[in-house]
């Protein structure tokens, strides 16, 4: 699952940068960059929570075992 998450973060991050420099009307550019950055940050936070849960589960198994 992490390859998919990293790929999505890369894609949305790249699109975010591309939208920031796109020759669009300012309000459309701001909305596009904000939306794409939100997707990127959301995927990153989801990935971070997943990694922390996995580490917590491994630690709990070590303590119990």
PDB file of N, CA and C in Angstrom:
ATOM      1  N   UNK A   1       0.818  -1.197   0.000  1.00  0.00           N
ATOM      2  CA  UNK A   1       0.000   0.000   0.000  1.00  0.00           C
ATOM      3  C   UNK A   1       0.864   1.263   0.000  1.00  0.00           C
ATOM      4  N   UNK A   2       2.046   1.202   0.561  1.00  0.00           N
ATOM      5  CA  UNK A   2       2.861   2.413   0.631  1.00  0.00           C
ATOM      6  C   UNK A   2       3.325   2.883  -0.748  1.00  0.00           C
ATOM      7  N   UNK A   3       3.536   1.973  -1.677  1.00  0.00           N
ATOM      8  CA  UNK A   3       3.922   2.397  -3.033  1.00  0.00           C
ATOM      9  C   UNK A   3       2.810   3.214  -3.676  1.00  0.00           C
ATOM     10  N   UNK A   4       1.601   2.785  -3.456  1.00  0.00           N
ATOM     11  CA  UNK A   4       0.454   3.524  -3.993  1.00  0.00           C
ATOM     12  C   UNK A   4       0.369   4.899  -3.343  1.00  0.00           C
ATOM     13  N   UNK A   5       0.544   4.943  -2.040  1.00  0.00           N
ATOM     14  CA  UNK A   5       0.489   6.231  -1.324  1.00  0.00           C
ATOM     15  C   UNK A   5       1.601   7.162  -1.789  1.00  0.00           C
ATOM     16  N   UNK A   6       2.804   6.647  -1.892  1.00  0.00           N
ATOM     17  CA  UNK A   6       3.913   7.478  -2.354  1.00  0.00           C
ATOM     18  C   UNK A   6       3.685   7.961  -3.780  1.00  0.00           C
ATOM     19  N   UNK A   7       3.156   7.075  -4.618  1.00  0.00           N
ATOM     20  CA  UNK A   7       2.875   7.462  -5.998  1.00  0.00           C
ATOM     21  C   UNK A   7       1.823   8.568  -6.053  1.00  0.00           C
ATOM     22  N   UNK A   8       0.759   8.417  -5.274  1.00  0.00           N
ATOM     23  CA  UNK A   8      -0.288   9.442  -5.247  1.00  0.00           C
ATOM     24  C   UNK A   8       0.237  10.763  -4.692  1.00  0.00           C
ATOM     25  N   UNK A   9       1.074  10.690  -3.653  1.00  0.00           N
ATOM     26  CA  UNK A   9       1.660  11.922  -3.109  1.00  0.00           C
ATOM     27  C   UNK A   9       2.521  12.609  -4.164  1.00  0.00           C
ATOM     28  N   UNK A  10       3.298  11.829  -4.899  1.00  0.00           N
ATOM     29  CA  UNK A  10       4.144  12.397  -5.944  1.00  0.00           C
ATOM     30  C   UNK A  10       3.304  13.023  -7.061  1.00  0.00           C
ATOM     31  N   UNK A  11       2.273  12.301  -7.487  1.00  0.00           N
ATOM     32  CA  UNK A  11       1.421  12.809  -8.570  1.00  0.00           C
ATOM     33  C   UNK A  11       0.724  14.097  -8.153  1.00  0.00           C
ATOM     34  N   UNK A  12       0.058  14.087  -6.998  1.00  0.00           N
ATOM     35  CA  UNK A  12      -0.666  15.279  -6.565  1.00  0.00           C
ATOM     36  C   UNK A  12       0.286  16.431  -6.232  1.00  0.00           C
ATOM     37  N   UNK A  13       1.454  16.116  -5.681  1.00  0.00           N
ATOM     38  CA  UNK A  13       2.439  17.163  -5.406  1.00  0.00           C
ATOM     39  C   UNK A  13       2.946  17.807  -6.686  1.00  0.00           C
ATOM     40  N   UNK A  14       3.210  16.985  -7.688  1.00  0.00           N
ATOM     41  CA  UNK A  14       3.655  17.501  -8.979  1.00  0.00           C
ATOM     42  C   UNK A  14       2.572  18.355  -9.633  1.00  0.00           C
ATOM     43  N   UNK A  15       1.330  17.867  -9.586  1.00  0.00           N
ATOM     44  CA  UNK A  15       0.223  18.644 -10.134  1.00  0.00           C
ATOM     45  C   UNK A  15       0.024  19.960  -9.376  1.00  0.00           C
ATOM     46  N   UNK A  16       0.261  19.937  -8.090  1.00  0.00           N
ATOM     47  CA  UNK A  16       0.150  21.147  -7.267  1.00  0.00           C
ATOM     48  C   UNK A  16       1.174  22.192  -7.718  1.00  0.00           C
ATOM     49  N   UNK A  17       2.399  21.765  -7.932  1.00  0.00           N
ATOM     50  CA  UNK A  17       3.445  22.680  -8.397  1.00  0.00           C
ATOM     51  C   UNK A  17       3.137  23.179  -9.799  1.00  0.00           C
ATOM     52  N   UNK A  18       2.667  22.271 -10.656  1.00  0.00           N
ATOM     53  CA  UNK A  18       2.321  22.668 -12.024  1.00  0.00           C
ATOM     54  C   UNK A  18       1.177  23.679 -12.022  1.00  0.00           C
ATOM     55  N   UNK A  19       0.193  23.466 -11.176  1.00  0.00           N
ATOM     56  CA  UNK A  19      -0.943  24.396 -11.096  1.00  0.00           C
ATOM     57  C   UNK A  19      -0.509  25.751 -10.555  1.00  0.00           C
ATOM     58  N   UNK A  20       0.488  25.760  -9.683  1.00  0.00           N
ATOM     59  CA  UNK A  20       0.954  27.025  -9.117  1.00  0.00           C
ATOM     60  C   UNK A  20       1.570  27.927 -10.184  1.00  0.00           C
ATOM     61  N   UNK A  21       2.177  27.324 -11.195  1.00  0.00           N
ATOM     62  CA  UNK A  21       2.818  28.110 -12.242  1.00  0.00           C
ATOM     63  C   UNK A  21       2.003  28.166 -13.540  1.00  0.00           C
ATOM     64  N   UNK A  22       0.813  27.593 -13.516  1.00  0.00           N
ATOM     65  CA  UNK A  22      -0.026  27.564 -14.712  1.00  0.00           C
ATOM     66  C   UNK A  22      -0.563  28.961 -15.027  1.00  0.00           C
ATOM     67  N   UNK A  23      -0.695  29.267 -16.300  1.00  0.00           N
ATOM     68  CA  UNK A  23      -1.218  30.586 -16.687  1.00  0.00           C
ATOM     69  C   UNK A  23      -2.754  30.620 -16.604  1.00  0.00           C
ATOM     70  N   UNK A  24      -3.249  30.527 -15.386  1.00  0.00           N
ATOM     71  CA  UNK A  24      -4.689  30.539 -15.147  1.00  0.00           C
ATOM     72  C   UNK A  24      -5.065  31.814 -14.410  1.00  0.00           C
ATOM     73  N   UNK A  25      -6.359  32.075 -14.360  1.00  0.00           N
ATOM     74  CA  UNK A  25      -6.837  33.193 -13.558  1.00  0.00           C
ATOM     75  C   UNK A  25      -6.464  32.917 -12.099  1.00  0.00           C
ATOM     76  N   UNK A  26      -6.146  33.971 -11.365  1.00  0.00           N
ATOM     77  CA  UNK A  26      -5.612  33.810 -10.015  1.00  0.00           C
ATOM     78  C   UNK A  26      -6.530  33.008  -9.098  1.00  0.00           C
ATOM     79  N   UNK A  27      -7.820  33.276  -9.114  1.00  0.00           N
ATOM     80  CA  UNK A  27      -8.734  32.568  -8.213  1.00  0.00           C
ATOM     81  C   UNK A  27      -8.811  31.070  -8.563  1.00  0.00           C
ATOM     82  N   UNK A  28      -8.776  30.757  -9.848  1.00  0.00           N
ATOM     83  CA  UNK A  28      -8.793  29.344 -10.263  1.00  0.00           C
ATOM     84  C   UNK A  28      -7.491  28.672  -9.855  1.00  0.00           C
ATOM     85  N   UNK A  29      -6.375  29.358 -10.031  1.00  0.00           N
ATOM     86  CA  UNK A  29      -5.075  28.804  -9.648  1.00  0.00           C
ATOM     87  C   UNK A  29      -5.013  28.554  -8.144  1.00  0.00           C
ATOM     88  N   UNK A  30      -5.520  29.501  -7.357  1.00  0.00           N
ATOM     89  CA  UNK A  30      -5.515  29.341  -5.899  1.00  0.00           C
ATOM     90  C   UNK A  30      -6.366  28.142  -5.488  1.00  0.00           C
ATOM     91  N   UNK A  31      -7.536  28.005  -6.086  1.00  0.00           N
ATOM     92  CA  UNK A  31      -8.412  26.875  -5.768  1.00  0.00           C
ATOM     93  C   UNK A  31      -7.772  25.549  -6.167  1.00  0.00           C
ATOM     94  N   UNK A  32      -7.154  25.511  -7.334  1.00  0.00           N
ATOM     95  CA  UNK A  32      -6.523  24.272  -7.801  1.00  0.00           C
ATOM     96  C   UNK A  32      -5.351  23.883  -6.913  1.00  0.00           C
ATOM     97  N   UNK A  33      -4.508  24.841  -6.590  1.00  0.00           N
ATOM     98  CA  UNK A  33      -3.345  24.547  -5.741  1.00  0.00           C
ATOM     99  C   UNK A  33      -3.806  24.116  -4.355  1.00  0.00           C
ATOM    100  N   UNK A  34      -4.789  24.800  -3.799  1.00  0.00           N
ATOM    101  CA  UNK A  34      -5.296  24.435  -2.474  1.00  0.00           C
ATOM    102  C   UNK A  34      -5.890  23.033  -2.450  1.00  0.00           C
ATOM    103  N   UNK A  35      -6.653  22.709  -3.473  1.00  0.00           N
ATOM    104  CA  UNK A  35      -7.267  21.382  -3.548  1.00  0.00           C
ATOM    105  C   UNK A  35      -6.210  20.291  -3.710  1.00  0.00           C
ATOM    106  N   UNK A  36      -5.275  20.499  -4.619  1.00  0.00           N
ATOM    107  CA  UNK A  36      -4.229  19.496  -4.844  1.00  0.00           C
ATOM    108  C   UNK A  36      -3.323  19.344  -3.626  1.00  0.00           C
ATOM    109  N   UNK A  37      -3.018  20.473  -2.969  1.00  0.00           N
ATOM    110  CA  UNK A  37      -2.205  20.385  -1.754  1.00  0.00           C
ATOM    111  C   UNK A  37      -2.971  19.660  -0.654  1.00  0.00           C
ATOM    112  N   UNK A  38      -4.274  19.896  -0.578  1.00  0.00           N
ATOM    113  CA  UNK A  38      -5.093  19.191   0.408  1.00  0.00           C
ATOM    114  C   UNK A  38      -5.077  17.689   0.194  1.00  0.00           C
ATOM    115  N   UNK A  39      -5.182  17.263  -1.073  1.00  0.00           N
ATOM    116  CA  UNK A  39      -5.088  15.835  -1.374  1.00  0.00           C
ATOM    117  C   UNK A  39      -3.726  15.287  -0.962  1.00  0.00           C
ATOM    118  N   UNK A  40      -2.668  16.008  -1.302  1.00  0.00           N
ATOM    119  CA  UNK A  40      -1.312  15.558  -0.973  1.00  0.00           C
ATOM    120  C   UNK A  40      -1.128  15.441   0.535  1.00  0.00           C
ATOM    121  N   UNK A  41      -1.538  16.462   1.266  1.00  0.00           N
ATOM    122  CA  UNK A  41      -1.395  16.455   2.725  1.00  0.00           C
ATOM    123  C   UNK A  41      -2.265  15.376   3.356  1.00  0.00           C
ATOM    124  N   UNK A  42      -3.466  15.182   2.835  1.00  0.00           N
ATOM    125  CA  UNK A  42      -4.348  14.148   3.371  1.00  0.00           C
ATOM    126  C   UNK A  42      -3.776  12.760   3.200  1.00  0.00           C
ATOM    127  N   UNK A  43      -3.213  12.493   2.050  1.00  0.00           N
ATOM    128  CA  UNK A  43      -2.593  11.186   1.816  1.00  0.00           C
ATOM    129  C   UNK A  43      -1.385  11.014   2.728  1.00  0.00           C
ATOM    130  N   UNK A  44      -0.613  12.081   2.912  1.00  0.00           N
ATOM    131  CA  UNK A  44       0.568  12.006   3.769  1.00  0.00           C
ATOM    132  C   UNK A  44       0.166  11.735   5.219  1.00  0.00           C
ATOM    133  N   UNK A  45      -0.841  12.431   5.713  1.00  0.00           N
ATOM    134  CA  UNK A  45      -1.297  12.219   7.093  1.00  0.00           C
ATOM    135  C   UNK A  45      -1.850  10.809   7.259  1.00  0.00           C
ATOM    136  N   UNK A  46      -2.613  10.343   6.281  1.00  0.00           N
ATOM    137  CA  UNK A  46      -3.137   8.981   6.322  1.00  0.00           C
ATOM    138  C   UNK A  46      -1.995   7.967   6.373  1.00  0.00           C
ATOM    139  N   UNK A  47      -0.981   8.180   5.573  1.00  0.00           N
ATOM    140  CA  UNK A  47       0.184   7.295   5.565  1.00  0.00           C
ATOM    141  C   UNK A  47       0.896   7.332   6.922  1.00  0.00           C
ATOM    142  N   UNK A  48       1.056   8.520   7.485  1.00  0.00           N
ATOM    143  CA  UNK A  48       1.719   8.654   8.782  1.00  0.00           C
ATOM    144  C   UNK A  48       0.945   7.922   9.871  1.00  0.00           C
ATOM    145  N   UNK A  49      -0.365   8.062   9.897  1.00  0.00           N
ATOM    146  CA  UNK A  49      -1.184   7.370  10.892  1.00  0.00           C
ATOM    147  C   UNK A  49      -1.055   5.856  10.720  1.00  0.00           C
ATOM    148  N   UNK A  50      -1.068   5.394   9.479  1.00  0.00           N
ATOM    149  CA  UNK A  50      -0.936   3.968   9.207  1.00  0.00           C
ATOM    150  C   UNK A  50       0.414   3.437   9.699  1.00  0.00           C
ATOM    151  N   UNK A  51       1.479   4.172   9.459  1.00  0.00           N
ATOM    152  CA  UNK A  51       2.809   3.747   9.910  1.00  0.00           C
ATOM    153  C   UNK A  51       2.874   3.723  11.437  1.00  0.00           C
ATOM    154  N   UNK A  52       2.302   4.734  12.073  1.00  0.00           N
ATOM    155  CA  UNK A  52       2.311   4.774  13.540  1.00  0.00           C
ATOM    156  C   UNK A  52       1.468   3.647  14.141  1.00  0.00           C
ATOM    157  N   UNK A  53       0.338   3.330  13.539  1.00  0.00           N
ATOM    158  CA  UNK A  53      -0.478   2.213  14.018  1.00  0.00           C
ATOM    159  C   UNK A  53       0.261   0.895  13.865  1.00  0.00           C
ATOM    160  N   UNK A  54       0.939   0.733  12.756  1.00  0.00           N
ATOM    161  CA  UNK A  54       1.706  -0.492  12.521  1.00  0.00           C
ATOM    162  C   UNK A  54       2.836  -0.611  13.549  1.00  0.00           C
ATOM    163  N   UNK A  55       3.517   0.491  13.832  1.00  0.00           N
ATOM    164  CA  UNK A  55       4.601   0.465  14.819  1.00  0.00           C
ATOM    165  C   UNK A  55       4.060   0.199  16.226  1.00  0.00           C
ATOM    166  N   UNK A  56       2.919   0.788  16.528  1.00  0.00           N
ATOM    167  CA  UNK A  56       2.302   0.574  17.835  1.00  0.00           C
ATOM    168  C   UNK A  56       1.874  -0.888  17.995  1.00  0.00           C
ATOM    169  N   UNK A  57       1.311  -1.454  16.944  1.00  0.00           N
ATOM    170  CA  UNK A  57       0.910  -2.848  16.987  1.00  0.00           C
ATOM    171  C   UNK A  57       2.090  -3.785  17.159  1.00  0.00           C
ATOM    172  N   UNK A  58       3.190  -3.473  16.494  1.00  0.00           N
ATOM    173  CA  UNK A  58       4.410  -4.284  16.623  1.00  0.00           C
ATOM    174  C   UNK A  58       4.971  -4.178  18.030  1.00  0.00           C
ATOM    175  N   UNK A  59       4.923  -2.996  18.622  1.00  0.00           N
ATOM    176  CA  UNK A  59       5.428  -2.817  19.993  1.00  0.00           C
ATOM    177  C   UNK A  59       4.539  -3.554  20.983  1.00  0.00           C
ATOM    178  N   UNK A  60       3.223  -3.481  20.775  1.00  0.00           N
ATOM    179  CA  UNK A  60       2.289  -4.196  21.665  1.00  0.00           C
ATOM    180  C   UNK A  60       2.515  -5.683  21.572  1.00  0.00           C
ATOM    181  N   UNK A  61       2.765  -6.194  20.376  1.00  0.00           N
ATOM    182  CA  UNK A  61       3.024  -7.630  20.208  1.00  0.00           C
ATOM    183  C   UNK A  61       4.326  -8.034  20.887  1.00  0.00           C
ATOM    184  N   UNK A  62       5.341  -7.168  20.837  1.00  0.00           N
ATOM    185  CA  UNK A  62       6.619  -7.454  21.496  1.00  0.00           C
ATOM    186  C   UNK A  62       6.445  -7.479  23.004  1.00  0.00           C
ATOM    187  N   UNK A  63       5.660  -6.555  23.542  1.00  0.00           N
ATOM    188  CA  UNK A  63       5.462  -6.484  24.994  1.00  0.00           C
ATOM    189  C   UNK A  63       4.654  -7.692  25.474  1.00  0.00           C
ATOM    190  N   UNK A  64       3.606  -8.034  24.722  1.00  0.00           N
ATOM    191  CA  UNK A  64       2.740  -9.147  25.115  1.00  0.00           C
ATOM    192  C   UNK A  64       3.415 -10.494  24.903  1.00  0.00           C
ATOM    193  N   UNK A  65       4.293 -10.575  23.923  1.00  0.00           N
ATOM    194  CA  UNK A  65       4.880 -11.864  23.545  1.00  0.00           C
ATOM    195  C   UNK A  65       6.077 -12.187  24.315  1.00  0.00           C
TER     196      UNK A  65
END
